[in-house]
Amino acid sequence: MNDFLFIEPVAIMMIVVVFIIIYFCRSYFLSHYNGEKWRGIETVIFVKNAQDEIEGIVKSYYSRQIRPAELMIVDCGSSDQTPQILERLSMQYMGLKLLLLSDLPFQLCAQEALKHTSGPAMLLVNGTALNYKEVIKLIDPAFKKNVGIGLKSYEK
C-alpha cells in the first residue's frame, strides 16, 4: 500500500513534466511557423542625390510607432554625400538595409532592388521625375503582384 502512494505522486509529476515539455515545444514550433508564414511588408525607397532629405526620411520612418518590418534604401548612383550618410544611418538603425548601385536607369534599379526583397514590397519613388503610369511600365510583370507603388515629390 505504501508503494502505491509513492508511485502516484511520481506519476503525477511525470505527467506534469510531459505537459510542460509539450507546451514549450508547441510554443517554439508555432512561433517558428508563424515567422515563416507571415512576412511584413518591406518598404523600399529609391534615392539619388538626396543628401539633404535622406536623414529626415529615415528618422521619420523609424520614429513612427507602427511600421513595416524592414526598410531598404536603394541609392541609384548618387554623386553627392548620400552614400556616406546612408552608411552612417545603417549603423544607427537596425533593420535598415542599403543597396548602393552605380548610375543605372530606374528600371534596372527597381529590378535589382526587388531581387533583394524577402517579401511583399512597397516602393516609394521620387514623383518629380516619373509619373505613376511610367513606373508601372518600368517594373517587371513578375514582380507586380507583390509590389505596391507610392510616388512622393521631394521638391520644396
Foldseek 3Di string as FASTA:
>chain_A
DVVVVVVVVVVVVVVVVVVVVVVVVVVVVVVVVVVVVDAWAEEEEEDAQPVPCPVVVVVVQVVDPDHTQAYEYEYQAHPDCVVVVLVVVCVVDPRYHYHYHHNDPPLVSVVVVVVPDDFQYEYEYAPVVPDPVVVVVSYDPVNVVRYHYHYDHPDD
